[in-house]
Structures are given as C-alpha cells and as structure tokens.
Amino acid sequence: MELFHTVRLSVRRITSDDLETLYTVYSDPEGARWVDDGEPISRPDCERWLDITLNNYETRGYGMFAIELTESGETIGFIGIVHPGNQPAPEIKYSFQKAHWGRGYATEAVAGTLKYGSSELGLKHFIATVHPEHAVSQRVLAKAGMQKRELVLEDDGKETQVFSWDT
C-alpha cells in the first residue's frame, strides 16, 4: 500500500516480507556505525524491530516505511516517523542499502516524509538526530528543509546534533 511517492521513489508500510531487506540494511557494519549504538543489528533484534513497527501502525498510525524505486519496485531502504523511547517529538529516521548511497534518494525521501507527515498525519513539528561527524546525513537533512539546531549531550556522554522542521 503506497503512502506517498516522489519523483523516483514509492514509500509504503513495511510488511513481514521486508525482513530480509531490513536485515541487509541494518546489519551492514558501515551503515550501522551511524545508527543507535553503532553496532550492526542482530537478526532477532531485527525481527523485534519489525514487530514494533507493525505495532506502531496500530497505535500511532505510522512508523518506519519501506522505500522502493518507482521504476523497478526494488526496496532500497527505509524511512519513518518514530518516537524513540516514547519521546514526544516525532523523529525522522532513515537508512539505505549501501549500493544506493550518494544518489539523492535520502534527501528525496526525507522531504517526502516531512510533507506526508504534515499533510496526511497532521504532524506540525519533526526532529532528526545525527552523529555530529556524519556530515553526509547533515547535508541530506538541510537539503530536505530541516534546520540545524542544538548539539545535545546524551546520557551516555555522546553528542547528538539535532535538526528540526516545522510547518
């Protein structure tokens, strides 16, 4: 079920059929270094994450979504609107298969997700958090229209760069 599309991408809800691609994306050590604790995800954790996403659809009406190339239908990554640790602000998260990095898909997907979240879900404020050294992701968020905000010191002593977007 397509939720929205951009020029080159189609974004839809994740299904259990996406487990292999989820695992491929989030178990890649190079991509995982920027996600959560920086460690690749295990298969059982990926299965739990899929269950949480499906539950989020029921409780919030949104969560993580699959990103497909419109032309081929290939699933190349994931993007979503989440609330880690039940934080009040909806947060944009995304990750792609390494073979699809550097093609502008992330910027296109983030901009489309912000528009979808605002117009279809009625959300008025979004954040995104990025490792301070992840310059590529910071450029993606800025190009998609998000504003660079404060640098936050987390409980574990690590810093996180916050971006925000308001309607």
Protein backbone atom coordinates (compact mmCIF):
# COMPACT_ATOMS: atom_id res chain seq x y z
CA MET A 1 0.00 0.00 0.00
CA GLU A 2 1.71 3.17 -1.21
CA LEU A 3 1.62 6.02 1.30
CA PHE A 4 3.24 8.59 -0.96
CA HIS A 5 5.64 8.88 -3.84
CA THR A 6 8.30 11.27 -5.03
CA VAL A 7 9.82 11.66 -8.45
CA ARG A 8 11.82 8.41 -8.19
CA LEU A 9 10.56 6.71 -5.05
CA SER A 10 7.47 5.00 -3.72
CA VAL A 11 7.05 4.79 0.06
CA ARG A 12 4.84 2.18 1.70
CA ARG A 13 4.24 0.45 5.01
CA ILE A 14 6.66 -2.31 5.94
CA THR A 15 5.40 -5.89 5.88
CA SER A 16 6.87 -9.12 7.18
CA ASP A 17 8.14 -9.72 3.63
CA ASP A 18 10.63 -6.87 4.20
CA LEU A 19 12.56 -8.74 6.92
CA GLU A 20 15.45 -9.78 4.68
CA THR A 21 15.96 -6.29 3.30
CA LEU A 22 15.65 -4.79 6.80
CA TYR A 23 18.34 -7.15 7.99
CA THR A 24 20.55 -6.37 4.98
CA VAL A 25 20.34 -2.62 5.62
CA TYR A 26 20.71 -2.60 9.40
CA SER A 27 23.27 -5.39 9.72
CA ASP A 28 25.76 -3.67 7.41
CA PRO A 29 28.66 -2.52 9.64
CA GLU A 30 29.42 0.59 7.57
CA GLY A 31 25.84 1.87 7.64
CA ALA A 32 25.24 0.76 11.23
CA ARG A 33 28.07 2.89 12.59
CA TRP A 34 25.73 5.91 12.41
CA VAL A 35 22.67 4.16 13.87
CA ASP A 36 21.87 3.82 17.58
CA ASP A 37 24.91 2.32 19.35
CA GLY A 38 26.88 1.97 16.11
CA GLU A 39 26.68 -1.82 16.07
CA PRO A 40 25.04 -3.88 13.32
CA ILE A 41 21.66 -5.28 14.31
CA SER A 42 21.24 -8.99 15.01
CA ARG A 43 18.58 -10.98 13.18
CA PRO A 44 16.46 -11.49 16.35
CA ASP A 45 16.66 -7.74 17.08
CA CYS A 46 15.62 -7.04 13.50
CA GLU A 47 12.61 -9.35 13.94
CA ARG A 48 11.66 -7.49 17.16
CA TRP A 49 12.09 -4.17 15.38
CA LEU A 50 9.71 -5.34 12.64
CA ASP A 51 7.14 -6.30 15.30
CA ILE A 52 7.49 -2.88 16.97
CA THR A 53 6.97 -1.18 13.60
CA LEU A 54 3.81 -3.17 12.90
CA ASN A 55 2.55 -2.31 16.39
CA ASN A 56 3.31 1.38 15.80
CA TYR A 57 0.99 1.30 12.77
CA GLU A 58 -1.79 0.13 15.07
CA THR A 59 -1.09 2.53 17.96
CA ARG A 60 0.14 5.67 16.17
CA GLY A 61 -0.92 5.17 12.58
CA TYR A 62 2.68 5.45 11.38
CA GLY A 63 6.20 4.13 11.94
CA MET A 64 9.03 3.03 9.65
CA PHE A 65 8.27 2.65 5.95
CA ALA A 66 9.86 0.84 3.02
CA ILE A 67 11.35 2.87 0.18
CA GLU A 68 11.08 1.41 -3.31
CA LEU A 69 12.45 2.59 -6.62
CA THR A 70 9.36 3.52 -8.62
CA GLU A 71 10.86 2.26 -11.86
CA SER A 72 11.78 -1.25 -10.68
CA GLY A 73 9.88 -1.80 -7.42
CA GLU A 74 13.14 -2.73 -5.67
CA THR A 75 13.18 -1.96 -1.94
CA ILE A 76 16.32 0.11 -1.36
CA GLY A 77 15.91 1.33 2.20
CA PHE A 78 13.68 2.50 4.99
CA ILE A 79 12.44 5.80 6.34
CA GLY A 80 9.95 6.64 9.01
CA ILE A 81 8.47 8.78 11.68
CA VAL A 82 9.24 7.32 15.10
CA HIS A 83 9.27 8.20 18.78
CA PRO A 84 12.39 6.54 20.28
CA GLY A 85 11.92 5.92 24.00
CA ASN A 86 8.41 7.39 23.63
CA GLN A 87 9.83 10.89 23.14
CA PRO A 88 7.05 13.36 22.35
CA ALA A 89 8.56 14.79 19.15
CA PRO A 90 8.17 12.71 16.00
CA GLU A 91 11.63 11.89 14.65
CA ILE A 92 12.67 11.19 11.07
CA LYS A 93 14.93 8.13 10.73
CA TYR A 94 16.25 6.56 7.54
CA SER A 95 18.80 4.13 6.17
CA PHE A 96 19.56 2.75 2.72
CA GLN A 97 21.35 -0.20 1.19
CA LYS A 98 24.93 0.88 0.53
CA ALA A 99 24.56 0.30 -3.22
CA HIS A 100 22.07 3.20 -3.30
CA TRP A 101 24.06 5.77 -1.33
CA GLY A 102 25.03 9.06 -2.99
CA ARG A 103 22.15 9.28 -5.47
CA GLY A 104 19.98 11.83 -3.69
CA TYR A 105 17.38 9.28 -2.60
CA ALA A 106 17.72 10.18 1.09
CA THR A 107 17.01 13.87 0.51
CA GLU A 108 14.06 13.00 -1.70
CA ALA A 109 12.68 10.53 0.87
CA VAL A 110 13.13 12.89 3.85
CA ALA A 111 11.41 15.78 2.05
CA GLY A 112 8.56 13.48 1.01
CA THR A 113 8.18 12.09 4.53
CA LEU A 114 8.02 15.57 6.06
CA LYS A 115 5.33 16.55 3.56
CA TYR A 116 3.40 13.30 4.13
CA GLY A 117 3.62 13.58 7.93
CA SER A 118 2.40 17.14 7.84
CA SER A 119 -0.36 16.90 5.25
CA GLU A 120 -1.66 13.37 5.85
CA LEU A 121 -0.91 12.77 9.54
CA GLY A 122 -1.35 16.33 10.80
CA LEU A 123 2.08 16.46 12.47
CA LYS A 124 3.43 20.01 12.78
CA HIS A 125 6.93 19.54 14.21
CA PHE A 126 9.64 16.98 13.41
CA ILE A 127 13.16 16.40 14.60
CA ALA A 128 16.04 14.33 13.30
CA THR A 129 19.16 13.40 15.26
CA VAL A 130 22.55 12.83 13.69
CA HIS A 131 26.01 11.95 14.87
CA PRO A 132 27.98 15.23 14.81
CA GLU A 133 30.59 13.72 12.47
CA HIS A 134 28.06 12.39 9.96
CA ALA A 135 28.35 15.28 7.52
CA VAL A 136 26.54 13.49 4.68
CA SER A 137 23.38 12.96 6.72
CA GLN A 138 23.51 16.54 7.96
CA ARG A 139 23.60 17.75 4.34
CA VAL A 140 20.65 15.48 3.49
CA LEU A 141 18.54 16.94 6.30
CA ALA A 142 19.47 20.52 5.40
CA LYS A 143 18.67 19.96 1.70
CA ALA A 144 15.30 18.47 2.71
CA GLY A 145 14.48 21.70 4.54
CA MET A 146 15.34 20.84 8.13
CA GLN A 147 17.15 23.40 10.29
CA LYS A 148 20.30 22.60 12.25
CA ARG A 149 19.63 23.20 15.94
CA GLU A 150 21.39 22.35 19.20
CA LEU A 151 24.12 19.85 19.94
CA VAL A 152 22.83 17.64 22.77
CA LEU A 153 24.90 15.70 25.29
CA GLU A 154 23.25 12.28 25.76
CA ASP A 155 23.14 10.27 28.99
CA ASP A 156 25.92 8.02 27.67
CA GLY A 157 28.22 11.04 27.21
CA LYS A 158 27.95 11.08 23.40
CA GLU A 159 26.87 14.16 21.50
CA THR A 160 23.95 14.26 19.06
CA GLN A 161 23.23 17.00 16.52
CA VAL A 162 19.52 17.88 16.41
CA PHE A 163 17.69 19.16 13.33
CA SER A 164 14.07 20.29 13.25
CA TRP A 165 11.32 21.15 10.81
CA ASP A 166 8.04 22.96 11.46
CA THR A 167 5.05 23.53 9.22
